[in-house]
Amino acid sequence: NDSEETDFILVGFRVRPELHILLFLLFLLVYVMILLGNVGMMTIIVTDPRLNTPMYFFLGNLSFIDLFYSSAIAPKAMINFWSESKSISFAGCVTQFFLFALFIVAEGFLLAAMAYDRFIAICNPLLYSVQMSARLCTQLVAGSYFCGCISSVLQTSMTFTLSFCGSRVIDHFYCDTRPLQRLSCSDLFIYRIISFSLSSIIILPTIIIIIISYLYIVSTVLKIHSSEGRKKAFSTCSSHLGVVSVLYGAIFFMYLTPDRFPELSKVASLCYTLVTPMLNPLIYSLRNKDVKEALKKLLEKKNPT
């Protein structure tokens, strides 16, 4: 019963074998779009001096986070579509769990920092350059990664010190908290209390900051007399709101889905592990004039003819 010497089995999706190739191609397509979209977004932000602003500094880090947490999950899921054993080593499972927990929490805090940035930009535009200094932006991003790291260390150490004395079959396509809990023969009462408290400490402050920021933003925008001014102000926030809605909507749906519907949980997990990282650069590039102009400029450099 030495858990460190035993592999886990990732069941993945319970579909007919002939559908595995279709799922593989779907995962591959989505992952290629994630790579192109997020690497492209980071390249545009780094190479265009006009995008050297706090908003794009945060956006570059959002692309970095999306790229890495999807990369912790998608490649292994794709390999398992072709693998007979579908195994993942104990160390591999710990690593996957740790990286995903780190980056998903960091993204939550980063989205809260981006909401604060939009609040300052719209409600205190004259003081924006002073209040959103390069030092503060760096501290907010570093703080997001730090909170993600602390949370991930706690969550990972708690989860993998549980006793896995029965089946090693994880009914999921990656190592996640709920399917791992189902395999444990430990008393989960204290674990669940600590886990719930930790989730509340992470999720509640970020949501509160986002909601309060947008209440002030809406209040300020409604005081703008010109419809053109209101439209311009709202357009700077719509992309961020879209990203927040997709991520938190998928997370809440996944955790509100009862344990007796594991396939539904997998679909919800797909939304925030792969769909969200794919959509984020699209949302920002399609609705952002600066990004579209920077992309056009970059493409013209590559193809001068």
Foldseek 3Di string as FASTA:
>chain_A
DPQQADWFAEPAAPDDLVCLVVVLVVLVVLLVLLCCLLVVLLVLCVPDPVNPDLLSVLVNVLSVLLNFLLVLFSVLLSVLSVDPRNIDHPVSQLVNQLSNQLSLLLNLQSLLVSLVLLLCCQVPVVCNCVVSDPVVSVVSSVVSNVLSNVLSVVLSVLLVVFDQDDHSYQHARGNDRPSSVVRGPDDCPVVVVVVVVSCCVRNVVSVVSNVVSVVSLVVRLVPDDDPVSSVVSVLVCPLSVVLVCQQVVLVVQLVVDDPVCVNSNRVSVCSNSRVSSSCSSVSCCVSPPVNVVSSVVVVCVVPVD
